[in-house]
Amino acid sequence: AREHSFEYRPWGMFENLLDSKICKVKRLTVNPGHHLSLQYHYKRSEHWVVVQGRATVQLEDDTLYLEAGKSIDIPLGARHALGNDTDADVVVIEVQMGSYFGEDDIVRVSDPYNR
């Protein structure tokens, strides 16, 4: 048997569901009232599917609101952020595609937690 890995963050947590040479899949849980940093990546694009709640998504200069069942593509190099402006958890499945999936390929433009 293989265990999934969980990592807790100031905004909530993520669980690694799949980590392969061609993609990485995570389940992100964003706590009510929290946001991830505005960031971009040099080596990967992402596809987000909202599976629970109502997510606030910043993509470049646009702010979008995605309900459960909706999805969005985050192109390589695009500034993006995921948030939860509601009073219930937001759960998103994130599929990363590219040449590298390490956490050190995060370039933070702004971060509410000063990381």
PDB file of N, CA and C in Angstrom:
ATOM      1  N   ALA A   1       0.843  -1.179   0.000  1.00  0.00           N
ATOM      2  CA  ALA A   1       0.000   0.000   0.000  1.00  0.00           C
ATOM      3  C   ALA A   1       0.886   1.240   0.000  1.00  0.00           C
ATOM      4  N   ARG A   2       0.368   2.283  -0.606  1.00  0.00           N
ATOM      5  CA  ARG A   2       1.108   3.538  -0.697  1.00  0.00           C
ATOM      6  C   ARG A   2       0.268   4.646  -0.065  1.00  0.00           C
ATOM      7  N   GLU A   3       0.875   5.427   0.807  1.00  0.00           N
ATOM      8  CA  GLU A   3       0.146   6.495   1.484  1.00  0.00           C
ATOM      9  C   GLU A   3       0.270   7.795   0.716  1.00  0.00           C
ATOM     10  N   HIS A   4      -0.793   8.569   0.742  1.00  0.00           N
ATOM     11  CA  HIS A   4      -0.736   9.913   0.174  1.00  0.00           C
ATOM     12  C   HIS A   4      -0.050  10.828   1.180  1.00  0.00           C
ATOM     13  N   SER A   5       0.578  11.868   0.679  1.00  0.00           N
ATOM     14  CA  SER A   5       1.259  12.789   1.584  1.00  0.00           C
ATOM     15  C   SER A   5       0.437  14.065   1.726  1.00  0.00           C
ATOM     16  N   PHE A   6       0.316  14.523   2.959  1.00  0.00           N
ATOM     17  CA  PHE A   6      -0.397  15.747   3.277  1.00  0.00           C
ATOM     18  C   PHE A   6       0.622  16.789   3.718  1.00  0.00           C
ATOM     19  N   GLU A   7       0.392  18.022   3.314  1.00  0.00           N
ATOM     20  CA  GLU A   7       1.210  19.119   3.811  1.00  0.00           C
ATOM     21  C   GLU A   7       0.271  20.242   4.227  1.00  0.00           C
ATOM     22  N   TYR A   8       0.478  20.733   5.436  1.00  0.00           N
ATOM     23  CA  TYR A   8      -0.340  21.821   5.949  1.00  0.00           C
ATOM     24  C   TYR A   8       0.341  23.147   5.666  1.00  0.00           C
ATOM     25  N   ARG A   9      -0.465  24.128   5.310  1.00  0.00           N
ATOM     26  CA  ARG A   9      -0.002  25.467   4.987  1.00  0.00           C
ATOM     27  C   ARG A   9      -0.856  26.470   5.774  1.00  0.00           C
ATOM     28  N   PRO A  10      -0.444  27.737   5.842  1.00  0.00           N
ATOM     29  CA  PRO A  10      -1.250  28.725   6.576  1.00  0.00           C
ATOM     30  C   PRO A  10      -2.664  28.879   6.007  1.00  0.00           C
ATOM     31  N   TRP A  11      -2.850  28.597   4.726  1.00  0.00           N
ATOM     32  CA  TRP A  11      -4.140  28.753   4.054  1.00  0.00           C
ATOM     33  C   TRP A  11      -5.013  27.506   4.101  1.00  0.00           C
ATOM     34  N   GLY A  12      -4.433  26.374   4.506  1.00  0.00           N
ATOM     35  CA  GLY A  12      -5.184  25.113   4.527  1.00  0.00           C
ATOM     36  C   GLY A  12      -4.231  23.947   4.398  1.00  0.00           C
ATOM     37  N   MET A  13      -4.447  23.079   3.381  1.00  0.00           N
ATOM     38  CA  MET A  13      -3.583  21.924   3.204  1.00  0.00           C
ATOM     39  C   MET A  13      -3.655  21.420   1.774  1.00  0.00           C
ATOM     40  N   PHE A  14      -2.669  20.575   1.406  1.00  0.00           N
ATOM     41  CA  PHE A  14      -2.783  19.850   0.152  1.00  0.00           C
ATOM     42  C   PHE A  14      -2.360  18.412   0.354  1.00  0.00           C
ATOM     43  N   GLU A  15      -2.919  17.556  -0.494  1.00  0.00           N
ATOM     44  CA  GLU A  15      -2.609  16.141  -0.498  1.00  0.00           C
ATOM     45  C   GLU A  15      -2.084  15.784  -1.879  1.00  0.00           C
ATOM     46  N   ASN A  16      -0.929  15.136  -1.937  1.00  0.00           N
ATOM     47  CA  ASN A  16      -0.396  14.654  -3.209  1.00  0.00           C
ATOM     48  C   ASN A  16      -1.120  13.364  -3.585  1.00  0.00           C
ATOM     49  N   LEU A  17      -1.815  13.388  -4.708  1.00  0.00           N
ATOM     50  CA  LEU A  17      -2.553  12.216  -5.168  1.00  0.00           C
ATOM     51  C   LEU A  17      -1.757  11.395  -6.171  1.00  0.00           C
ATOM     52  N   LEU A  18      -0.936  12.074  -6.987  1.00  0.00           N
ATOM     53  CA  LEU A  18      -0.139  11.409  -8.012  1.00  0.00           C
ATOM     54  C   LEU A  18       1.095  12.249  -8.269  1.00  0.00           C
ATOM     55  N   ASP A  19       2.237  11.600  -8.375  1.00  0.00           N
ATOM     56  CA  ASP A  19       3.482  12.298  -8.700  1.00  0.00           C
ATOM     57  C   ASP A  19       4.231  11.428  -9.699  1.00  0.00           C
ATOM     58  N   SER A  20       4.173  11.807 -10.973  1.00  0.00           N
ATOM     59  CA  SER A  20       4.816  11.023 -12.022  1.00  0.00           C
ATOM     60  C   SER A  20       5.749  11.920 -12.828  1.00  0.00           C
ATOM     61  N   LYS A  21       6.403  11.359 -13.822  1.00  0.00           N
ATOM     62  CA  LYS A  21       7.304  12.142 -14.661  1.00  0.00           C
ATOM     63  C   LYS A  21       6.561  13.116 -15.564  1.00  0.00           C
ATOM     64  N   ILE A  22       5.299  12.833 -15.870  1.00  0.00           N
ATOM     65  CA  ILE A  22       4.569  13.685 -16.816  1.00  0.00           C
ATOM     66  C   ILE A  22       3.568  14.628 -16.166  1.00  0.00           C
ATOM     67  N   CYS A  23       3.180  14.356 -14.907  1.00  0.00           N
ATOM     68  CA  CYS A  23       2.249  15.261 -14.225  1.00  0.00           C
ATOM     69  C   CYS A  23       2.274  15.006 -12.723  1.00  0.00           C
ATOM     70  N   LYS A  24       1.730  15.970 -12.000  1.00  0.00           N
ATOM     71  CA  LYS A  24       1.532  15.847 -10.556  1.00  0.00           C
ATOM     72  C   LYS A  24       0.105  16.281 -10.270  1.00  0.00           C
ATOM     73  N   VAL A  25      -0.582  15.543  -9.397  1.00  0.00           N
ATOM     74  CA  VAL A  25      -1.974  15.848  -9.071  1.00  0.00           C
ATOM     75  C   VAL A  25      -2.090  16.039  -7.564  1.00  0.00           C
ATOM     76  N   LYS A  26      -2.709  17.164  -7.176  1.00  0.00           N
ATOM     77  CA  LYS A  26      -2.896  17.490  -5.764  1.00  0.00           C
ATOM     78  C   LYS A  26      -4.367  17.793  -5.488  1.00  0.00           C
ATOM     79  N   ARG A  27      -4.775  17.537  -4.260  1.00  0.00           N
ATOM     80  CA  ARG A  27      -6.070  18.016  -3.774  1.00  0.00           C
ATOM     81  C   ARG A  27      -5.777  19.130  -2.780  1.00  0.00           C
ATOM     82  N   LEU A  28      -6.203  20.357  -3.116  1.00  0.00           N
ATOM     83  CA  LEU A  28      -5.996  21.526  -2.263  1.00  0.00           C
ATOM     84  C   LEU A  28      -7.269  21.801  -1.475  1.00  0.00           C
ATOM     85  N   THR A  29      -7.137  22.038  -0.193  1.00  0.00           N
ATOM     86  CA  THR A  29      -8.262  22.472   0.631  1.00  0.00           C
ATOM     87  C   THR A  29      -7.909  23.845   1.181  1.00  0.00           C
ATOM     88  N   VAL A  30      -8.686  24.855   0.779  1.00  0.00           N
ATOM     89  CA  VAL A  30      -8.441  26.235   1.198  1.00  0.00           C
ATOM     90  C   VAL A  30      -9.463  26.581   2.278  1.00  0.00           C
ATOM     91  N   ASN A  31      -8.969  26.939   3.449  1.00  0.00           N
ATOM     92  CA  ASN A  31      -9.841  27.277   4.572  1.00  0.00           C
ATOM     93  C   ASN A  31     -10.613  28.564   4.299  1.00  0.00           C
ATOM     94  N   PRO A  32     -11.782  28.705   4.932  1.00  0.00           N
ATOM     95  CA  PRO A  32     -12.586  29.925   4.758  1.00  0.00           C
ATOM     96  C   PRO A  32     -11.784  31.192   5.054  1.00  0.00           C
ATOM     97  N   GLY A  33     -11.904  32.171   4.160  1.00  0.00           N
ATOM     98  CA  GLY A  33     -11.252  33.460   4.346  1.00  0.00           C
ATOM     99  C   GLY A  33      -9.769  33.491   4.017  1.00  0.00           C
ATOM    100  N   HIS A  34      -9.226  32.423   3.444  1.00  0.00           N
ATOM    101  CA  HIS A  34      -7.789  32.369   3.164  1.00  0.00           C
ATOM    102  C   HIS A  34      -7.502  32.370   1.673  1.00  0.00           C
ATOM    103  N   HIS A  35      -6.252  32.757   1.338  1.00  0.00           N
ATOM    104  CA  HIS A  35      -5.797  32.834  -0.048  1.00  0.00           C
ATOM    105  C   HIS A  35      -4.368  32.325  -0.138  1.00  0.00           C
ATOM    106  N   LEU A  36      -4.041  31.666  -1.235  1.00  0.00           N
ATOM    107  CA  LEU A  36      -2.659  31.314  -1.539  1.00  0.00           C
ATOM    108  C   LEU A  36      -1.974  32.547  -2.104  1.00  0.00           C
ATOM    109  N   SER A  37      -0.661  32.509  -2.180  1.00  0.00           N
ATOM    110  CA  SER A  37       0.081  33.646  -2.706  1.00  0.00           C
ATOM    111  C   SER A  37      -0.203  33.854  -4.194  1.00  0.00           C
ATOM    112  N   LEU A  38      -0.052  35.113  -4.636  1.00  0.00           N
ATOM    113  CA  LEU A  38      -0.049  35.411  -6.066  1.00  0.00           C
ATOM    114  C   LEU A  38       1.306  34.963  -6.564  1.00  0.00           C
ATOM    115  N   GLN A  39       1.320  34.060  -7.549  1.00  0.00           N
ATOM    116  CA  GLN A  39       2.559  33.406  -7.941  1.00  0.00           C
ATOM    117  C   GLN A  39       2.561  33.051  -9.417  1.00  0.00           C
ATOM    118  N   TYR A  40       3.713  32.582  -9.886  1.00  0.00           N
ATOM    119  CA  TYR A  40       3.814  32.006 -11.227  1.00  0.00           C
ATOM    120  C   TYR A  40       4.913  30.953 -11.202  1.00  0.00           C
ATOM    121  N   HIS A  41       4.988  30.189 -12.304  1.00  0.00           N
ATOM    122  CA  HIS A  41       5.942  29.086 -12.396  1.00  0.00           C
ATOM    123  C   HIS A  41       6.701  29.163 -13.713  1.00  0.00           C
ATOM    124  N   TYR A  42       7.964  28.773 -13.675  1.00  0.00           N
ATOM    125  CA  TYR A  42       8.792  28.718 -14.885  1.00  0.00           C
ATOM    126  C   TYR A  42       8.670  27.389 -15.619  1.00  0.00           C
ATOM    127  N   LYS A  43       8.327  26.325 -14.904  1.00  0.00           N
ATOM    128  CA  LYS A  43       8.446  24.994 -15.485  1.00  0.00           C
ATOM    129  C   LYS A  43       7.155  24.194 -15.542  1.00  0.00           C
ATOM    130  N   ARG A  44       6.030  24.794 -15.177  1.00  0.00           N
ATOM    131  CA  ARG A  44       4.777  24.037 -15.228  1.00  0.00           C
ATOM    132  C   ARG A  44       3.570  24.928 -15.455  1.00  0.00           C
ATOM    133  N   SER A  45       2.585  24.336 -16.097  1.00  0.00           N
ATOM    134  CA  SER A  45       1.252  24.927 -16.180  1.00  0.00           C
ATOM    135  C   SER A  45       0.369  24.130 -15.221  1.00  0.00           C
ATOM    136  N   GLU A  46      -0.839  24.626 -14.978  1.00  0.00           N
ATOM    137  CA  GLU A  46      -1.750  23.941 -14.062  1.00  0.00           C
ATOM    138  C   GLU A  46      -3.166  23.963 -14.622  1.00  0.00           C
ATOM    139  N   HIS A  47      -3.936  22.985 -14.217  1.00  0.00           N
ATOM    140  CA  HIS A  47      -5.367  22.935 -14.517  1.00  0.00           C
ATOM    141  C   HIS A  47      -6.066  22.709 -13.186  1.00  0.00           C
ATOM    142  N   TRP A  48      -7.006  23.584 -12.844  1.00  0.00           N
ATOM    143  CA  TRP A  48      -7.733  23.480 -11.572  1.00  0.00           C
ATOM    144  C   TRP A  48      -9.177  23.109 -11.837  1.00  0.00           C
ATOM    145  N   VAL A  49      -9.673  22.153 -11.061  1.00  0.00           N
ATOM    146  CA  VAL A  49     -11.091  21.783 -11.080  1.00  0.00           C
ATOM    147  C   VAL A  49     -11.623  21.991  -9.671  1.00  0.00           C
ATOM    148  N   VAL A  50     -12.630  22.825  -9.529  1.00  0.00           N
ATOM    149  CA  VAL A  50     -13.261  23.042  -8.224  1.00  0.00           C
ATOM    150  C   VAL A  50     -14.221  21.883  -7.979  1.00  0.00           C
ATOM    151  N   VAL A  51     -14.030  21.176  -6.870  1.00  0.00           N
ATOM    152  CA  VAL A  51     -14.906  20.048  -6.561  1.00  0.00           C
ATOM    153  C   VAL A  51     -15.803  20.324  -5.362  1.00  0.00           C
ATOM    154  N   GLN A  52     -15.497  21.373  -4.609  1.00  0.00           N
ATOM    155  CA  GLN A  52     -16.350  21.745  -3.475  1.00  0.00           C
ATOM    156  C   GLN A  52     -16.199  23.236  -3.207  1.00  0.00           C
ATOM    157  N   GLY A  53     -17.314  23.906  -2.996  1.00  0.00           N
ATOM    158  CA  GLY A  53     -17.286  25.311  -2.624  1.00  0.00           C
ATOM    159  C   GLY A  53     -17.234  26.247  -3.819  1.00  0.00           C
ATOM    160  N   ARG A  54     -16.907  27.502  -3.519  1.00  0.00           N
ATOM    161  CA  ARG A  54     -16.824  28.568  -4.520  1.00  0.00           C
ATOM    162  C   ARG A  54     -15.451  29.215  -4.408  1.00  0.00           C
ATOM    163  N   ALA A  55     -14.600  28.987  -5.403  1.00  0.00           N
ATOM    164  CA  ALA A  55     -13.225  29.476  -5.386  1.00  0.00           C
ATOM    165  C   ALA A  55     -13.133  30.862  -6.012  1.00  0.00           C
ATOM    166  N   THR A  56     -12.277  31.689  -5.448  1.00  0.00           N
ATOM    167  CA  THR A  56     -11.899  32.955  -6.048  1.00  0.00           C
ATOM    168  C   THR A  56     -10.561  32.729  -6.737  1.00  0.00           C
ATOM    169  N   VAL A  57     -10.503  33.021  -8.039  1.00  0.00           N
ATOM    170  CA  VAL A  57      -9.295  32.778  -8.821  1.00  0.00           C
ATOM    171  C   VAL A  57      -8.823  34.094  -9.418  1.00  0.00           C
ATOM    172  N   GLN A  58      -7.569  34.434  -9.178  1.00  0.00           N
ATOM    173  CA  GLN A  58      -6.955  35.556  -9.873  1.00  0.00           C
ATOM    174  C   GLN A  58      -6.058  34.966 -10.948  1.00  0.00           C
ATOM    175  N   LEU A  59      -6.274  35.364 -12.187  1.00  0.00           N
ATOM    176  CA  LEU A  59      -5.435  34.951 -13.311  1.00  0.00           C
ATOM    177  C   LEU A  59      -5.023  36.217 -14.037  1.00  0.00           C
ATOM    178  N   GLU A  60      -3.726  36.548 -13.920  1.00  0.00           N
ATOM    179  CA  GLU A  60      -3.205  37.822 -14.412  1.00  0.00           C
ATOM    180  C   GLU A  60      -4.024  38.955 -13.785  1.00  0.00           C
ATOM    181  N   ASP A  61      -4.703  39.783 -14.576  1.00  0.00           N
ATOM    182  CA  ASP A  61      -5.442  40.924 -14.019  1.00  0.00           C
ATOM    183  C   ASP A  61      -6.930  40.655 -13.840  1.00  0.00           C
ATOM    184  N   ASP A  62      -7.363  39.419 -14.085  1.00  0.00           N
ATOM    185  CA  ASP A  62      -8.783  39.066 -13.976  1.00  0.00           C
ATOM    186  C   ASP A  62      -9.060  38.318 -12.680  1.00  0.00           C
ATOM    187  N   THR A  63     -10.221  38.575 -12.088  1.00  0.00           N
ATOM    188  CA  THR A  63     -10.699  37.817 -10.933  1.00  0.00           C
ATOM    189  C   THR A  63     -11.947  37.068 -11.367  1.00  0.00           C
ATOM    190  N   LEU A  64     -11.940  35.766 -11.122  1.00  0.00           N
ATOM    191  CA  LEU A  64     -13.040  34.893 -11.518  1.00  0.00           C
ATOM    192  C   LEU A  64     -13.547  34.145 -10.293  1.00  0.00           C
ATOM    193  N   TYR A  65     -14.800  33.729 -10.337  1.00  0.00           N
ATOM    194  CA  TYR A  65     -15.403  32.952  -9.259  1.00  0.00           C
ATOM    195  C   TYR A  65     -15.887  31.646  -9.864  1.00  0.00           C
ATOM    196  N   LEU A  66     -15.356  30.534  -9.359  1.00  0.00           N
ATOM    197  CA  LEU A  66     -15.672  29.230  -9.924  1.00  0.00           C
ATOM    198  C   LEU A  66     -16.407  28.374  -8.900  1.00  0.00           C
ATOM    199  N   GLU A  67     -17.565  27.860  -9.303  1.00  0.00           N
ATOM    200  CA  GLU A  67     -18.360  26.959  -8.478  1.00  0.00           C
ATOM    201  C   GLU A  67     -17.878  25.525  -8.692  1.00  0.00           C
ATOM    202  N   ALA A  68     -18.336  24.611  -7.853  1.00  0.00           N
ATOM    203  CA  ALA A  68     -18.016  23.194  -8.002  1.00  0.00           C
ATOM    204  C   ALA A  68     -18.398  22.727  -9.402  1.00  0.00           C
ATOM    205  N   GLY A  69     -17.504  21.983 -10.029  1.00  0.00           N
ATOM    206  CA  GLY A  69     -17.723  21.482 -11.385  1.00  0.00           C
ATOM    207  C   GLY A  69     -17.096  22.344 -12.462  1.00  0.00           C
ATOM    208  N   LYS A  70     -16.648  23.536 -12.127  1.00  0.00           N
ATOM    209  CA  LYS A  70     -16.004  24.429 -13.088  1.00  0.00           C
ATOM    210  C   LYS A  70     -14.486  24.269 -13.010  1.00  0.00           C
ATOM    211  N   SER A  71     -13.808  24.629 -14.107  1.00  0.00           N
ATOM    212  CA  SER A  71     -12.357  24.471 -14.151  1.00  0.00           C
ATOM    213  C   SER A  71     -11.716  25.636 -14.884  1.00  0.00           C
ATOM    214  N   ILE A  72     -10.384  25.721 -14.752  1.00  0.00           N
ATOM    215  CA  ILE A  72      -9.631  26.789 -15.401  1.00  0.00           C
ATOM    216  C   ILE A  72      -8.214  26.292 -15.684  1.00  0.00           C
ATOM    217  N   ASP A  73      -7.662  26.733 -16.812  1.00  0.00           N
ATOM    218  CA  ASP A  73      -6.274  26.456 -17.162  1.00  0.00           C
ATOM    219  C   ASP A  73      -5.405  27.633 -16.741  1.00  0.00           C
ATOM    220  N   ILE A  74      -4.286  27.328 -16.098  1.00  0.00           N
ATOM    221  CA  ILE A  74      -3.313  28.329 -15.685  1.00  0.00           C
ATOM    222  C   ILE A  74      -2.081  28.124 -16.570  1.00  0.00           C
ATOM    223  N   PRO A  75      -1.858  28.985 -17.570  1.00  0.00           N
ATOM    224  CA  PRO A  75      -0.721  28.789 -18.482  1.00  0.00           C
ATOM    225  C   PRO A  75       0.628  28.956 -17.789  1.00  0.00           C
ATOM    226  N   LEU A  76       1.638  28.339 -18.346  1.00  0.00           N
ATOM    227  CA  LEU A  76       3.011  28.494 -17.890  1.00  0.00           C
ATOM    228  C   LEU A  76       3.360  29.986 -17.813  1.00  0.00           C
ATOM    229  N   GLY A  77       3.878  30.422 -16.680  1.00  0.00           N
ATOM    230  CA  GLY A  77       4.312  31.808 -16.514  1.00  0.00           C
ATOM    231  C   GLY A  77       3.231  32.796 -16.147  1.00  0.00           C
ATOM    232  N   ALA A  78       1.965  32.373 -16.083  1.00  0.00           N
ATOM    233  CA  ALA A  78       0.870  33.299 -15.759  1.00  0.00           C
ATOM    234  C   ALA A  78       0.794  33.530 -14.248  1.00  0.00           C
ATOM    235  N   ARG A  79       0.616  34.782 -13.864  1.00  0.00           N
ATOM    236  CA  ARG A  79       0.409  35.106 -12.447  1.00  0.00           C
ATOM    237  C   ARG A  79      -0.970  34.606 -12.040  1.00  0.00           C
ATOM    238  N   HIS A  80      -1.040  33.895 -10.907  1.00  0.00           N
ATOM    239  CA  HIS A  80      -2.312  33.317 -10.485  1.00  0.00           C
ATOM    240  C   HIS A  80      -2.353  33.174  -8.967  1.00  0.00           C
ATOM    241  N   ALA A  81      -3.583  33.139  -8.454  1.00  0.00           N
ATOM    242  CA  ALA A  81      -3.804  32.908  -7.027  1.00  0.00           C
ATOM    243  C   ALA A  81      -5.158  32.240  -6.853  1.00  0.00           C
ATOM    244  N   LEU A  82      -5.237  31.432  -5.830  1.00  0.00           N
ATOM    245  CA  LEU A  82      -6.470  30.738  -5.469  1.00  0.00           C
ATOM    246  C   LEU A  82      -6.895  31.218  -4.100  1.00  0.00           C
ATOM    247  N   GLY A  83      -8.192  31.494  -3.926  1.00  0.00           N
ATOM    248  CA  GLY A  83      -8.672  31.972  -2.646  1.00  0.00           C
ATOM    249  C   GLY A  83     -10.042  31.448  -2.299  1.00  0.00           C
ATOM    250  N   ASN A  84     -10.405  31.684  -1.051  1.00  0.00           N
ATOM    251  CA  ASN A  84     -11.707  31.274  -0.539  1.00  0.00           C
ATOM    252  C   ASN A  84     -12.289  32.441   0.243  1.00  0.00           C
ATOM    253  N   ASP A  85     -13.257  33.119  -0.353  1.00  0.00           N
ATOM    254  CA  ASP A  85     -13.913  34.255   0.294  1.00  0.00           C
ATOM    255  C   ASP A  85     -15.238  33.865   0.929  1.00  0.00           C
ATOM    256  N   THR A  86     -15.441  32.568   1.167  1.00  0.00           N
ATOM    257  CA  THR A  86     -16.695  32.078   1.738  1.00  0.00           C
ATOM    258  C   THR A  86     -16.463  31.594   3.165  1.00  0.00           C
ATOM    259  N   ASP A  87     -17.515  31.037   3.768  1.00  0.00           N
ATOM    260  CA  ASP A  87     -17.399  30.512   5.133  1.00  0.00           C
ATOM    261  C   ASP A  87     -17.363  28.987   5.168  1.00  0.00           C
ATOM    262  N   ALA A  88     -17.082  28.349   4.029  1.00  0.00           N
ATOM    263  CA  ALA A  88     -16.946  26.890   3.958  1.00  0.00           C
ATOM    264  C   ALA A  88     -15.678  26.551   3.172  1.00  0.00           C
ATOM    265  N   ASP A  89     -15.127  25.363   3.410  1.00  0.00           N
ATOM    266  CA  ASP A  89     -13.914  24.955   2.697  1.00  0.00           C
ATOM    267  C   ASP A  89     -14.113  24.972   1.190  1.00  0.00           C
ATOM    268  N   VAL A  90     -13.037  25.286   0.472  1.00  0.00           N
ATOM    269  CA  VAL A  90     -12.979  25.141  -0.985  1.00  0.00           C
ATOM    270  C   VAL A  90     -11.989  24.014  -1.268  1.00  0.00           C
ATOM    271  N   VAL A  91     -12.401  23.076  -2.117  1.00  0.00           N
ATOM    272  CA  VAL A  91     -11.538  21.961  -2.490  1.00  0.00           C
ATOM    273  C   VAL A  91     -11.331  22.007  -4.002  1.00  0.00           C
ATOM    274  N   VAL A  92     -10.060  21.960  -4.401  1.00  0.00           N
ATOM    275  CA  VAL A  92      -9.677  22.053  -5.812  1.00  0.00           C
ATOM    276  C   VAL A  92      -8.728  20.898  -6.128  1.00  0.00           C
ATOM    277  N   ILE A  93      -8.954  20.250  -7.262  1.00  0.00           N
ATOM    278  CA  ILE A  93      -7.994  19.286  -7.792  1.00  0.00           C
ATOM    279  C   ILE A  93      -7.092  20.046  -8.754  1.00  0.00           C
ATOM    280  N   GLU A  94      -5.791  19.980  -8.501  1.00  0.00           N
ATOM    281  CA  GLU A  94      -4.802  20.682  -9.307  1.00  0.00           C
ATOM    282  C   GLU A  94      -3.976  19.654 -10.077  1.00  0.00           C
ATOM    283  N   VAL A  95      -3.963  19.786 -11.400  1.00  0.00           N
ATOM    284  CA  VAL A  95      -3.127  18.939 -12.244  1.00  0.00           C
ATOM    285  C   VAL A  95      -2.000  19.813 -12.785  1.00  0.00           C
ATOM    286  N   GLN A  96      -0.768  19.459 -12.434  1.00  0.00           N
ATOM    287  CA  GLN A  96       0.407  20.190 -12.898  1.00  0.00           C
ATOM    288  C   GLN A  96       1.012  19.438 -14.082  1.00  0.00           C
ATOM    289  N   MET A  97       1.358  20.182 -15.145  1.00  0.00           N
ATOM    290  CA  MET A  97       1.978  19.585 -16.320  1.00  0.00           C
ATOM    291  C   MET A  97       3.204  20.408 -16.685  1.00  0.00           C
ATOM    292  N   GLY A  98       4.292  19.741 -17.017  1.00  0.00           N
ATOM    293  CA  GLY A  98       5.501  20.457 -17.380  1.00  0.00           C
ATOM    294  C   GLY A  98       6.726  19.602 -17.201  1.00  0.00           C
ATOM    295  N   SER A  99       7.864  20.263 -17.015  1.00  0.00           N
ATOM    296  CA  SER A  99       9.135  19.546 -16.921  1.00  0.00           C
ATOM    297  C   SER A  99       9.630  19.369 -15.490  1.00  0.00           C
ATOM    298  N   TYR A 100       8.972  20.041 -14.508  1.00  0.00           N
ATOM    299  CA  TYR A 100       9.438  19.989 -13.124  1.00  0.00           C
ATOM    300  C   TYR A 100       8.289  20.400 -12.220  1.00  0.00           C
ATOM    301  N   PHE A 101       8.120  19.688 -11.084  1.00  0.00           N
ATOM    302  CA  PHE A 101       6.968  19.924 -10.211  1.00  0.00           C
ATOM    303  C   PHE A 101       7.347  20.264  -8.770  1.00  0.00           C
ATOM    304  N   GLY A 102       8.581  20.634  -8.522  1.00  0.00           N
ATOM    305  CA  GLY A 102       9.022  20.938  -7.164  1.00  0.00           C
ATOM    306  C   GLY A 102       8.420  22.224  -6.624  1.00  0.00           C
ATOM    307  N   GLU A 103       8.312  22.274  -5.307  1.00  0.00           N
ATOM    308  CA  GLU A 103       7.773  23.465  -4.640  1.00  0.00           C
ATOM    309  C   GLU A 103       8.686  24.674  -4.822  1.00  0.00           C
ATOM    310  N   ASP A 104       9.948  24.452  -5.212  1.00  0.00           N
ATOM    311  CA  ASP A 104      10.853  25.584  -5.409  1.00  0.00           C
ATOM    312  C   ASP A 104      10.669  26.254  -6.775  1.00  0.00           C
ATOM    313  N   ASP A 105       9.696  25.791  -7.575  1.00  0.00           N
ATOM    314  CA  ASP A 105       9.337  26.479  -8.822  1.00  0.00           C
ATOM    315  C   ASP A 105       8.123  27.382  -8.588  1.00  0.00           C
ATOM    316  N   ILE A 106       8.069  27.973  -7.425  1.00  0.00           N
ATOM    317  CA  ILE A 106       7.024  28.948  -7.092  1.00  0.00           C
ATOM    318  C   ILE A 106       7.706  30.306  -6.953  1.00  0.00           C
ATOM    319  N   VAL A 107       7.318  31.239  -7.801  1.00  0.00           N
ATOM    320  CA  VAL A 107       7.811  32.612  -7.692  1.00  0.00           C
ATOM    321  C   VAL A 107       6.659  33.433  -7.129  1.00  0.00           C
ATOM    322  N   ARG A 108       6.796  33.870  -5.879  1.00  0.00           N
ATOM    323  CA  ARG A 108       5.724  34.612  -5.229  1.00  0.00           C
ATOM    324  C   ARG A 108       5.820  36.094  -5.573  1.00  0.00           C
ATOM    325  N   VAL A 109       4.726  36.634  -6.103  1.00  0.00           N
ATOM    326  CA  VAL A 109       4.625  38.058  -6.412  1.00  0.00           C
ATOM    327  C   VAL A 109       4.178  38.801  -5.161  1.00  0.00           C
ATOM    328  N   SER A 110       3.213  38.241  -4.458  1.00  0.00           N
ATOM    329  CA  SER A 110       2.772  38.753  -3.160  1.00  0.00           C
ATOM    330  C   SER A 110       2.256  37.575  -2.350  1.00  0.00           C
ATOM    331  N   ASP A 111       2.390  37.681  -1.024  1.00  0.00           N
ATOM    332  CA  ASP A 111       2.028  36.568  -0.165  1.00  0.00           C
ATOM    333  C   ASP A 111       1.428  37.092   1.136  1.00  0.00           C
ATOM    334  N   PRO A 112       0.169  36.732   1.426  1.00  0.00           N
ATOM    335  CA  PRO A 112      -0.435  37.223   2.666  1.00  0.00           C
ATOM    336  C   PRO A 112       0.227  36.674   3.936  1.00  0.00           C
ATOM    337  N   TYR A 113       1.098  35.670   3.794  1.00  0.00           N
ATOM    338  CA  TYR A 113       1.738  35.055   4.956  1.00  0.00           C
ATOM    339  C   TYR A 113       3.228  35.375   5.027  1.00  0.00           C
ATOM    340  N   ASN A 114       3.690  36.303   4.182  1.00  0.00           N
ATOM    341  CA  ASN A 114       5.079  36.782   4.202  1.00  0.00           C
ATOM    342  C   ASN A 114       6.119  35.657   4.135  1.00  0.00           C
ATOM    343  N   ARG A 115       5.885  34.710   3.229  1.00  0.00           N
ATOM    344  CA  ARG A 115       6.875  33.630   3.058  1.00  0.00           C
ATOM    345  C   ARG A 115       7.919  34.039   2.053  1.00  0.00           C
TER     346      ARG A 115
END
